[in-house]
Amino acid sequence: MGLGVTQMSAFSSTHPGGYADRAESGEQFMIDDSRTPAEF
């Protein structure tokens, strides 16, 4: 943050339908930073 990056995602889901119903099955890869948008 502040060093050069200008765009970031937050609270991402790589599973189709993963926002209205947070799920893990069918994901493309595992995410690491799981902070909520407000926390981020």
PDB file of all heavy atoms in Angstrom:
ATOM      1  N   MET A   1       0.838  -1.196   0.000  1.00  0.00           N
ATOM      2  CA  MET A   1       0.000   0.000   0.000  1.00  0.00           C
ATOM      3  C   MET A   1       0.875   1.249   0.000  1.00  0.00           C
ATOM      4  O   MET A   1       1.729   1.427   0.859  1.00  0.00           O
ATOM      5  CB  MET A   1      -0.904   0.017   1.238  1.00  0.00           C
ATOM      6  CG  MET A   1      -1.984  -1.035   1.234  1.00  0.00           C
ATOM      7  SD  MET A   1      -2.926  -1.014   2.799  1.00  0.00           S
ATOM      8  CE  MET A   1      -4.078  -2.348   2.549  1.00  0.00           C
ATOM      9  N   GLY A   2       0.668   2.095  -0.985  1.00  0.00           N
ATOM     10  CA  GLY A   2       1.418   3.344  -1.066  1.00  0.00           C
ATOM     11  C   GLY A   2       2.742   3.239  -1.794  1.00  0.00           C
ATOM     12  O   GLY A   2       3.368   4.262  -2.080  1.00  0.00           O
ATOM     13  N   LEU A   3       3.188   2.026  -2.102  1.00  0.00           N
ATOM     14  CA  LEU A   3       4.484   1.864  -2.762  1.00  0.00           C
ATOM     15  C   LEU A   3       4.408   1.913  -4.284  1.00  0.00           C
ATOM     16  O   LEU A   3       5.389   2.192  -4.941  1.00  0.00           O
ATOM     17  CB  LEU A   3       5.124   0.529  -2.351  1.00  0.00           C
ATOM     18  CG  LEU A   3       5.825   0.479  -1.000  1.00  0.00           C
ATOM     19  CD1 LEU A   3       6.569  -0.841  -0.867  1.00  0.00           C
ATOM     20  CD2 LEU A   3       6.791   1.642  -0.840  1.00  0.00           C
ATOM     21  N   GLY A   4       3.258   1.598  -4.847  1.00  0.00           N
ATOM     22  CA  GLY A   4       3.164   1.560  -6.304  1.00  0.00           C
ATOM     23  C   GLY A   4       1.891   0.941  -6.819  1.00  0.00           C
ATOM     24  O   GLY A   4       1.476   1.186  -7.944  1.00  0.00           O
ATOM     25  N   VAL A   5       1.250   0.120  -5.986  1.00  0.00           N
ATOM     26  CA  VAL A   5      -0.011  -0.512  -6.375  1.00  0.00           C
ATOM     27  C   VAL A   5      -1.114   0.532  -6.385  1.00  0.00           C
ATOM     28  O   VAL A   5      -1.199   1.372  -5.498  1.00  0.00           O
ATOM     29  CB  VAL A   5      -0.356  -1.663  -5.405  1.00  0.00           C
ATOM     30  CG1 VAL A   5      -1.749  -2.214  -5.688  1.00  0.00           C
ATOM     31  CG2 VAL A   5       0.683  -2.768  -5.512  1.00  0.00           C
ATOM     32  N   THR A   6      -1.987   0.461  -7.397  1.00  0.00           N
ATOM     33  CA  THR A   6      -3.055   1.462  -7.528  1.00  0.00           C
ATOM     34  C   THR A   6      -4.455   0.845  -7.527  1.00  0.00           C
ATOM     35  O   THR A   6      -5.434   1.564  -7.416  1.00  0.00           O
ATOM     36  CB  THR A   6      -2.889   2.256  -8.835  1.00  0.00           C
ATOM     37  OG1 THR A   6      -2.918   1.357  -9.950  1.00  0.00           O
ATOM     38  CG2 THR A   6      -1.570   3.022  -8.838  1.00  0.00           C
ATOM     39  N   GLN A   7      -4.554  -0.482  -7.659  1.00  0.00           N
ATOM     40  CA  GLN A   7      -5.854  -1.152  -7.662  1.00  0.00           C
ATOM     41  C   GLN A   7      -5.768  -2.438  -6.852  1.00  0.00           C
ATOM     42  O   GLN A   7      -4.802  -3.193  -6.972  1.00  0.00           O
ATOM     43  CB  GLN A   7      -6.298  -1.484  -9.088  1.00  0.00           C
ATOM     44  CG  GLN A   7      -6.523  -0.275  -9.985  1.00  0.00           C
ATOM     45  CD  GLN A   7      -6.918  -0.668 -11.392  1.00  0.00           C
ATOM     46  OE1 GLN A   7      -7.404  -1.763 -11.628  1.00  0.00           O
ATOM     47  NE2 GLN A   7      -6.701   0.229 -12.335  1.00  0.00           N
ATOM     48  N   MET A   8      -6.795  -2.684  -6.044  1.00  0.00           N
ATOM     49  CA  MET A   8      -6.846  -3.907  -5.244  1.00  0.00           C
ATOM     50  C   MET A   8      -8.272  -4.430  -5.184  1.00  0.00           C
ATOM     51  O   MET A   8      -9.230  -3.648  -5.186  1.00  0.00           O
ATOM     52  CB  MET A   8      -6.338  -3.656  -3.826  1.00  0.00           C
ATOM     53  CG  MET A   8      -4.829  -3.492  -3.703  1.00  0.00           C
ATOM     54  SD  MET A   8      -4.333  -3.272  -1.975  1.00  0.00           S
ATOM     55  CE  MET A   8      -2.583  -3.632  -2.061  1.00  0.00           C
ATOM     56  N   SER A   9      -8.396  -5.738  -5.121  1.00  0.00           N
ATOM     57  CA  SER A   9      -9.695  -6.343  -4.851  1.00  0.00           C
ATOM     58  C   SER A   9      -9.792  -6.582  -3.345  1.00  0.00           C
ATOM     59  O   SER A   9      -8.796  -6.533  -2.622  1.00  0.00           O
ATOM     60  CB  SER A   9      -9.843  -7.661  -5.619  1.00  0.00           C
ATOM     61  OG  SER A   9      -8.770  -8.548  -5.326  1.00  0.00           O
ATOM     62  N   ALA A  10     -11.009  -6.850  -2.881  1.00  0.00           N
ATOM     63  CA  ALA A  10     -11.216  -7.125  -1.466  1.00  0.00           C
ATOM     64  C   ALA A  10     -12.410  -8.058  -1.304  1.00  0.00           C
ATOM     65  O   ALA A  10     -13.374  -7.992  -2.077  1.00  0.00           O
ATOM     66  CB  ALA A  10     -11.457  -5.823  -0.690  1.00  0.00           C
ATOM     67  N   PHE A  11     -12.311  -8.957  -0.317  1.00  0.00           N
ATOM     68  CA  PHE A  11     -13.410  -9.873   0.023  1.00  0.00           C
ATOM     69  C   PHE A  11     -13.860 -10.685  -1.197  1.00  0.00           C
ATOM     70  O   PHE A  11     -15.043 -10.928  -1.402  1.00  0.00           O
ATOM     71  CB  PHE A  11     -14.586  -9.077   0.594  1.00  0.00           C
ATOM     72  CG  PHE A  11     -15.511  -9.892   1.460  1.00  0.00           C
ATOM     73  CD1 PHE A  11     -15.018 -10.577   2.555  1.00  0.00           C
ATOM     74  CD2 PHE A  11     -16.863  -9.958   1.189  1.00  0.00           C
ATOM     75  CE1 PHE A  11     -15.876 -11.320   3.370  1.00  0.00           C
ATOM     76  CE2 PHE A  11     -17.730 -10.693   1.985  1.00  0.00           C
ATOM     77  CZ  PHE A  11     -17.237 -11.382   3.086  1.00  0.00           C
ATOM     78  N   SER A  12     -12.889 -11.090  -2.018  1.00  0.00           N
ATOM     79  CA  SER A  12     -13.208 -11.743  -3.284  1.00  0.00           C
ATOM     80  C   SER A  12     -13.699 -13.175  -3.095  1.00  0.00           C
ATOM     81  O   SER A  12     -13.336 -13.855  -2.132  1.00  0.00           O
ATOM     82  CB  SER A  12     -11.976 -11.770  -4.192  1.00  0.00           C
ATOM     83  OG  SER A  12     -11.513 -10.466  -4.449  1.00  0.00           O
ATOM     84  N   SER A  13     -14.499 -13.620  -4.055  1.00  0.00           N
ATOM     85  CA  SER A  13     -14.904 -15.016  -4.143  1.00  0.00           C
ATOM     86  C   SER A  13     -14.590 -15.504  -5.548  1.00  0.00           C
ATOM     87  O   SER A  13     -14.879 -14.805  -6.523  1.00  0.00           O
ATOM     88  CB  SER A  13     -16.401 -15.178  -3.864  1.00  0.00           C
ATOM     89  OG  SER A  13     -16.823 -16.500  -4.168  1.00  0.00           O
ATOM     90  N   THR A  14     -13.982 -16.689  -5.676  1.00  0.00           N
ATOM     91  CA  THR A  14     -13.714 -17.260  -6.997  1.00  0.00           C
ATOM     92  C   THR A  14     -14.702 -18.379  -7.304  1.00  0.00           C
ATOM     93  O   THR A  14     -14.490 -19.181  -8.209  1.00  0.00           O
ATOM     94  CB  THR A  14     -12.269 -17.800  -7.086  1.00  0.00           C
ATOM     95  OG1 THR A  14     -12.122 -18.927  -6.214  1.00  0.00           O
ATOM     96  CG2 THR A  14     -11.268 -16.719  -6.708  1.00  0.00           C
ATOM     97  N   HIS A  15     -15.791 -18.407  -6.572  1.00  0.00           N
ATOM     98  CA  HIS A  15     -16.862 -19.392  -6.776  1.00  0.00           C
ATOM     99  C   HIS A  15     -18.065 -18.695  -7.389  1.00  0.00           C
ATOM    100  O   HIS A  15     -18.506 -17.662  -6.870  1.00  0.00           O
ATOM    101  CB  HIS A  15     -17.256 -20.011  -5.430  1.00  0.00           C
ATOM    102  CG  HIS A  15     -18.523 -20.796  -5.466  1.00  0.00           C
ATOM    103  ND1 HIS A  15     -18.581 -22.081  -5.934  1.00  0.00           N
ATOM    104  CD2 HIS A  15     -19.790 -20.465  -5.104  1.00  0.00           C
ATOM    105  CE1 HIS A  15     -19.822 -22.521  -5.849  1.00  0.00           C
ATOM    106  NE2 HIS A  15     -20.571 -21.567  -5.353  1.00  0.00           N
ATOM    107  N   PRO A  16     -18.636 -19.201  -8.483  1.00  0.00           N
ATOM    108  CA  PRO A  16     -19.840 -18.577  -9.045  1.00  0.00           C
ATOM    109  C   PRO A  16     -20.972 -18.559  -8.021  1.00  0.00           C
ATOM    110  O   PRO A  16     -21.369 -19.595  -7.489  1.00  0.00           O
ATOM    111  CB  PRO A  16     -20.184 -19.498 -10.233  1.00  0.00           C
ATOM    112  CG  PRO A  16     -18.883 -20.110 -10.628  1.00  0.00           C
ATOM    113  CD  PRO A  16     -18.152 -20.319  -9.325  1.00  0.00           C
ATOM    114  N   GLY A  17     -21.455 -17.379  -7.725  1.00  0.00           N
ATOM    115  CA  GLY A  17     -22.507 -17.245  -6.732  1.00  0.00           C
ATOM    116  C   GLY A  17     -21.966 -17.062  -5.333  1.00  0.00           C
ATOM    117  O   GLY A  17     -22.689 -17.270  -4.355  1.00  0.00           O
ATOM    118  N   GLY A  18     -20.712 -16.652  -5.201  1.00  0.00           N
ATOM    119  CA  GLY A  18     -20.050 -16.632  -3.905  1.00  0.00           C
ATOM    120  C   GLY A  18     -20.220 -15.379  -3.081  1.00  0.00           C
ATOM    121  O   GLY A  18     -19.629 -15.278  -2.005  1.00  0.00           O
ATOM    122  N   TYR A  19     -20.982 -14.401  -3.535  1.00  0.00           N
ATOM    123  CA  TYR A  19     -21.193 -13.180  -2.752  1.00  0.00           C
ATOM    124  C   TYR A  19     -22.522 -13.219  -2.016  1.00  0.00           C
ATOM    125  O   TYR A  19     -22.580 -12.979  -0.809  1.00  0.00           O
ATOM    126  CB  TYR A  19     -21.125 -11.947  -3.652  1.00  0.00           C
ATOM    127  CG  TYR A  19     -19.722 -11.659  -4.138  1.00  0.00           C
ATOM    128  CD1 TYR A  19     -19.302 -12.093  -5.400  1.00  0.00           C
ATOM    129  CD2 TYR A  19     -18.808 -10.974  -3.346  1.00  0.00           C
ATOM    130  CE1 TYR A  19     -18.015 -11.848  -5.849  1.00  0.00           C
ATOM    131  CE2 TYR A  19     -17.519 -10.725  -3.786  1.00  0.00           C
ATOM    132  CZ  TYR A  19     -17.123 -11.165  -5.048  1.00  0.00           C
ATOM    133  OH  TYR A  19     -15.849 -10.935  -5.486  1.00  0.00           O
ATOM    134  N   ALA A  20     -23.592 -13.523  -2.728  1.00  0.00           N
ATOM    135  CA  ALA A  20     -24.892 -13.624  -2.075  1.00  0.00           C
ATOM    136  C   ALA A  20     -24.933 -14.841  -1.161  1.00  0.00           C
ATOM    137  O   ALA A  20     -25.652 -14.865  -0.159  1.00  0.00           O
ATOM    138  CB  ALA A  20     -26.003 -13.711  -3.128  1.00  0.00           C
ATOM    139  N   ASP A  21     -24.137 -15.869  -1.501  1.00  0.00           N
ATOM    140  CA  ASP A  21     -24.059 -17.093  -0.708  1.00  0.00           C
ATOM    141  C   ASP A  21     -22.606 -17.516  -0.650  1.00  0.00           C
ATOM    142  O   ASP A  21     -22.130 -18.244  -1.520  1.00  0.00           O
ATOM    143  CB  ASP A  21     -24.931 -18.193  -1.342  1.00  0.00           C
ATOM    144  CG  ASP A  21     -24.895 -19.491  -0.552  1.00  0.00           C
ATOM    145  OD1 ASP A  21     -24.521 -19.449   0.633  1.00  0.00           O
ATOM    146  OD2 ASP A  21     -25.233 -20.544  -1.126  1.00  0.00           O
ATOM    147  N   ARG A  22     -21.861 -17.055   0.356  1.00  0.00           N
ATOM    148  CA  ARG A  22     -20.435 -17.356   0.446  1.00  0.00           C
ATOM    149  C   ARG A  22     -20.217 -18.867   0.472  1.00  0.00           C
ATOM    150  O   ARG A  22     -20.777 -19.577   1.303  1.00  0.00           O
ATOM    151  CB  ARG A  22     -19.806 -16.746   1.690  1.00  0.00           C
ATOM    152  CG  ARG A  22     -19.850 -15.248   1.772  1.00  0.00           C
ATOM    153  CD  ARG A  22     -19.024 -14.554   0.705  1.00  0.00           C
ATOM    154  NE  ARG A  22     -17.596 -14.636   0.922  1.00  0.00           N
ATOM    155  CZ  ARG A  22     -16.714 -13.906   0.238  1.00  0.00           C
ATOM    156  NH1 ARG A  22     -17.122 -13.063  -0.704  1.00  0.00           N
ATOM    157  NH2 ARG A  22     -15.416 -14.023   0.468  1.00  0.00           N
ATOM    158  N   ALA A  23     -19.436 -19.372  -0.495  1.00  0.00           N
ATOM    159  CA  ALA A  23     -19.196 -20.811  -0.608  1.00  0.00           C
ATOM    160  C   ALA A  23     -17.780 -21.049  -1.079  1.00  0.00           C
ATOM    161  O   ALA A  23     -17.106 -20.154  -1.575  1.00  0.00           O
ATOM    162  CB  ALA A  23     -20.196 -21.431  -1.583  1.00  0.00           C
ATOM    163  N   GLU A  24     -17.322 -22.281  -0.950  1.00  0.00           N
ATOM    164  CA  GLU A  24     -15.961 -22.621  -1.333  1.00  0.00           C
ATOM    165  C   GLU A  24     -15.904 -23.603  -2.485  1.00  0.00           C
ATOM    166  O   GLU A  24     -14.956 -23.603  -3.253  1.00  0.00           O
ATOM    167  CB  GLU A  24     -15.210 -23.204  -0.124  1.00  0.00           C
ATOM    168  CG  GLU A  24     -15.057 -22.214   1.015  1.00  0.00           C
ATOM    169  CD  GLU A  24     -14.334 -22.814   2.199  1.00  0.00           C
ATOM    170  OE1 GLU A  24     -13.983 -24.011   2.123  1.00  0.00           O
ATOM    171  OE2 GLU A  24     -14.122 -22.110   3.194  1.00  0.00           O
ATOM    172  N   SER A  25     -16.877 -24.486  -2.621  1.00  0.00           N
ATOM    173  CA  SER A  25     -16.826 -25.505  -3.668  1.00  0.00           C
ATOM    174  C   SER A  25     -16.880 -24.871  -5.044  1.00  0.00           C
ATOM    175  O   SER A  25     -17.678 -23.960  -5.295  1.00  0.00           O
ATOM    176  CB  SER A  25     -18.012 -26.471  -3.513  1.00  0.00           C
ATOM    177  OG  SER A  25     -18.003 -27.437  -4.544  1.00  0.00           O
ATOM    178  N   GLY A  26     -16.055 -25.362  -5.963  1.00  0.00           N
ATOM    179  CA  GLY A  26     -16.063 -24.851  -7.328  1.00  0.00           C
ATOM    180  C   GLY A  26     -15.195 -23.638  -7.533  1.00  0.00           C
ATOM    181  O   GLY A  26     -15.267 -22.980  -8.562  1.00  0.00           O
ATOM    182  N   GLU A  27     -14.324 -23.319  -6.568  1.00  0.00           N
ATOM    183  CA  GLU A  27     -13.481 -22.143  -6.704  1.00  0.00           C
ATOM    184  C   GLU A  27     -12.339 -22.404  -7.678  1.00  0.00           C
ATOM    185  O   GLU A  27     -11.940 -23.551  -7.909  1.00  0.00           O
ATOM    186  CB  GLU A  27     -12.925 -21.736  -5.341  1.00  0.00           C
ATOM    187  CG  GLU A  27     -12.016 -22.779  -4.725  1.00  0.00           C
ATOM    188  CD  GLU A  27     -11.588 -22.410  -3.317  1.00  0.00           C
ATOM    189  OE1 GLU A  27     -12.029 -21.375  -2.797  1.00  0.00           O
ATOM    190  OE2 GLU A  27     -10.789 -23.184  -2.751  1.00  0.00           O
ATOM    191  N   GLN A  28     -11.799 -21.321  -8.273  1.00  0.00           N
ATOM    192  CA  GLN A  28     -10.689 -21.462  -9.207  1.00  0.00           C
ATOM    193  C   GLN A  28      -9.371 -21.654  -8.462  1.00  0.00           C
ATOM    194  O   GLN A  28      -8.512 -22.422  -8.857  1.00  0.00           O
ATOM    195  CB  GLN A  28     -10.591 -20.232 -10.116  1.00  0.00           C
ATOM    196  CG  GLN A  28      -9.548 -20.389 -11.214  1.00  0.00           C
ATOM    197  CD  GLN A  28      -9.438 -19.164 -12.081  1.00  0.00           C
ATOM    198  OE1 GLN A  28      -9.717 -18.054 -11.647  1.00  0.00           O
ATOM    199  NE2 GLN A  28      -9.038 -19.360 -13.320  1.00  0.00           N
ATOM    200  N   PHE A  29      -9.180 -20.899  -7.388  1.00  0.00           N
ATOM    201  CA  PHE A  29      -7.987 -21.017  -6.549  1.00  0.00           C
ATOM    202  C   PHE A  29      -8.341 -20.473  -5.170  1.00  0.00           C
ATOM    203  O   PHE A  29      -9.389 -19.855  -4.989  1.00  0.00           O
ATOM    204  CB  PHE A  29      -6.811 -20.224  -7.146  1.00  0.00           C
ATOM    205  CG  PHE A  29      -7.109 -18.779  -7.379  1.00  0.00           C
ATOM    206  CD1 PHE A  29      -6.997 -17.851  -6.365  1.00  0.00           C
ATOM    207  CD2 PHE A  29      -7.518 -18.339  -8.637  1.00  0.00           C
ATOM    208  CE1 PHE A  29      -7.286 -16.506  -6.578  1.00  0.00           C
ATOM    209  CE2 PHE A  29      -7.808 -17.000  -8.863  1.00  0.00           C
ATOM    210  CZ  PHE A  29      -7.691 -16.091  -7.827  1.00  0.00           C
ATOM    211  N   MET A  30      -7.490 -20.712  -4.205  1.00  0.00           N
ATOM    212  CA  MET A  30      -7.737 -20.260  -2.838  1.00  0.00           C
ATOM    213  C   MET A  30      -7.237 -18.828  -2.651  1.00  0.00           C
ATOM    214  O   MET A  30      -6.118 -18.500  -3.016  1.00  0.00           O
ATOM    215  CB  MET A  30      -7.030 -21.197  -1.849  1.00  0.00           C
ATOM    216  CG  MET A  30      -7.544 -22.615  -1.874  1.00  0.00           C
ATOM    217  SD  MET A  30      -6.507 -23.753  -0.898  1.00  0.00           S
ATOM    218  CE  MET A  30      -6.719 -23.073   0.738  1.00  0.00           C
ATOM    219  N   ILE A  31      -8.082 -17.984  -2.072  1.00  0.00           N
ATOM    220  CA  ILE A  31      -7.653 -16.629  -1.759  1.00  0.00           C
ATOM    221  C   ILE A  31      -6.942 -16.633  -0.409  1.00  0.00           C
ATOM    222  O   ILE A  31      -7.040 -17.580   0.361  1.00  0.00           O
ATOM    223  CB  ILE A  31      -8.833 -15.638  -1.757  1.00  0.00           C
ATOM    224  CG1 ILE A  31      -9.817 -15.956  -0.619  1.00  0.00           C
ATOM    225  CG2 ILE A  31      -9.534 -15.647  -3.098  1.00  0.00           C
ATOM    226  CD1 ILE A  31     -10.863 -14.895  -0.420  1.00  0.00           C
ATOM    227  N   ASP A  32      -6.219 -15.549  -0.126  1.00  0.00           N
ATOM    228  CA  ASP A  32      -5.454 -15.484   1.116  1.00  0.00           C
ATOM    229  C   ASP A  32      -5.962 -14.371   2.026  1.00  0.00           C
ATOM    230  O   ASP A  32      -6.205 -14.589   3.203  1.00  0.00           O
ATOM    231  CB  ASP A  32      -3.968 -15.269   0.790  1.00  0.00           C
ATOM    232  CG  ASP A  32      -3.063 -15.646   1.956  1.00  0.00           C
ATOM    233  OD1 ASP A  32      -3.506 -15.529   3.109  1.00  0.00           O
ATOM    234  OD2 ASP A  32      -1.916 -16.055   1.713  1.00  0.00           O
ATOM    235  N   ASP A  33      -6.146 -13.185   1.488  1.00  0.00           N
ATOM    236  CA  ASP A  33      -6.595 -12.037   2.279  1.00  0.00           C
ATOM    237  C   ASP A  33      -8.125 -12.005   2.275  1.00  0.00           C
ATOM    238  O   ASP A  33      -8.750 -11.642   1.284  1.00  0.00           O
ATOM    239  CB  ASP A  33      -6.028 -10.748   1.679  1.00  0.00           C
ATOM    240  CG  ASP A  33      -6.319  -9.528   2.535  1.00  0.00           C
ATOM    241  OD1 ASP A  33      -7.058  -9.661   3.534  1.00  0.00           O
ATOM    242  OD2 ASP A  33      -5.809  -8.447   2.208  1.00  0.00           O
ATOM    243  N   SER A  34      -8.736 -12.371   3.393  1.00  0.00           N
ATOM    244  CA  SER A  34     -10.197 -12.499   3.449  1.00  0.00           C
ATOM    245  C   SER A  34     -10.871 -11.357   4.206  1.00  0.00           C
ATOM    246  O   SER A  34     -12.035 -11.472   4.595  1.00  0.00           O
ATOM    247  CB  SER A  34     -10.571 -13.837   4.107  1.00  0.00           C
ATOM    248  OG  SER A  34     -10.019 -13.933   5.409  1.00  0.00           O
ATOM    249  N   ARG A  35     -10.180 -10.247   4.421  1.00  0.00           N
ATOM    250  CA  ARG A  35     -10.800  -9.124   5.126  1.00  0.00           C
ATOM    251  C   ARG A  35     -12.044  -8.609   4.408  1.00  0.00           C
ATOM    252  O   ARG A  35     -12.109  -8.613   3.178  1.00  0.00           O
ATOM    253  CB  ARG A  35      -9.784  -7.987   5.269  1.00  0.00           C
ATOM    254  CG  ARG A  35      -8.766  -8.180   6.366  1.00  0.00           C
ATOM    255  CD  ARG A  35      -7.721  -7.084   6.359  1.00  0.00           C
ATOM    256  NE  ARG A  35      -6.811  -7.202   5.210  1.00  0.00           N
ATOM    257  CZ  ARG A  35      -5.767  -6.417   5.015  1.00  0.00           C
ATOM    258  NH1 ARG A  35      -5.508  -5.431   5.860  1.00  0.00           N
ATOM    259  NH2 ARG A  35      -4.979  -6.601   3.970  1.00  0.00           N
ATOM    260  N   THR A  36     -12.999  -8.152   5.188  1.00  0.00           N
ATOM    261  CA  THR A  36     -14.193  -7.558   4.605  1.00  0.00           C
ATOM    262  C   THR A  36     -13.828  -6.233   3.937  1.00  0.00           C
ATOM    263  O   THR A  36     -12.776  -5.637   4.241  1.00  0.00           O
ATOM    264  CB  THR A  36     -15.264  -7.287   5.674  1.00  0.00           C
ATOM    265  OG1 THR A  36     -14.771  -6.275   6.561  1.00  0.00           O
ATOM    266  CG2 THR A  36     -15.588  -8.554   6.447  1.00  0.00           C
ATOM    267  N   PRO A  37     -14.676  -5.727   3.033  1.00  0.00           N
ATOM    268  CA  PRO A  37     -14.394  -4.426   2.412  1.00  0.00           C
ATOM    269  C   PRO A  37     -14.196  -3.312   3.435  1.00  0.00           C
ATOM    270  O   PRO A  37     -13.303  -2.469   3.285  1.00  0.00           O
ATOM    271  CB  PRO A  37     -15.633  -4.178   1.548  1.00  0.00           C
ATOM    272  CG  PRO A  37     -16.124  -5.548   1.208  1.00  0.00           C
ATOM    273  CD  PRO A  37     -15.862  -6.372   2.440  1.00  0.00           C
ATOM    274  N   ALA A  38     -15.002  -3.321   4.489  1.00  0.00           N
ATOM    275  CA  ALA A  38     -14.875  -2.276   5.509  1.00  0.00           C
ATOM    276  C   ALA A  38     -13.528  -2.382   6.227  1.00  0.00           C
ATOM    277  O   ALA A  38     -12.867  -1.369   6.495  1.00  0.00           O
ATOM    278  CB  ALA A  38     -16.018  -2.381   6.513  1.00  0.00           C
ATOM    279  N   GLU A  39     -13.115  -3.600   6.549  1.00  0.00           N
ATOM    280  CA  GLU A  39     -11.828  -3.805   7.212  1.00  0.00           C
ATOM    281  C   GLU A  39     -10.675  -3.385   6.314  1.00  0.00           C
ATOM    282  O   GLU A  39      -9.700  -2.782   6.776  1.00  0.00           O
ATOM    283  CB  GLU A  39     -11.671  -5.278   7.608  1.00  0.00           C
ATOM    284  CG  GLU A  39     -12.595  -5.712   8.741  1.00  0.00           C
ATOM    285  CD  GLU A  39     -12.595  -7.219   8.948  1.00  0.00           C
ATOM    286  OE1 GLU A  39     -12.231  -7.960   7.989  1.00  0.00           O
ATOM    287  OE2 GLU A  39     -12.962  -7.655  10.057  1.00  0.00           O
ATOM    288  N   PHE A  40     -10.797  -3.707   5.033  1.00  0.00           N
ATOM    289  CA  PHE A  40      -9.728  -3.367   4.108  1.00  0.00           C
ATOM    290  C   PHE A  40      -9.654  -1.856   3.896  1.00  0.00           C
ATOM    291  O   PHE A  40      -8.558  -1.276   3.844  1.00  0.00           O
ATOM    292  CB  PHE A  40      -9.930  -4.077   2.769  1.00  0.00           C
ATOM    293  CG  PHE A  40      -8.748  -3.994   1.863  1.00  0.00           C
ATOM    294  CD1 PHE A  40      -7.555  -4.634   2.188  1.00  0.00           C
ATOM    295  CD2 PHE A  40      -8.797  -3.262   0.695  1.00  0.00           C
ATOM    296  CE1 PHE A  40      -6.444  -4.542   1.361  1.00  0.00           C
ATOM    297  CE2 PHE A  40      -7.704  -3.168  -0.141  1.00  0.00           C
ATOM    298  CZ  PHE A  40      -6.519  -3.813   0.196  1.00  0.00           C
TER     299      PHE A  40
END
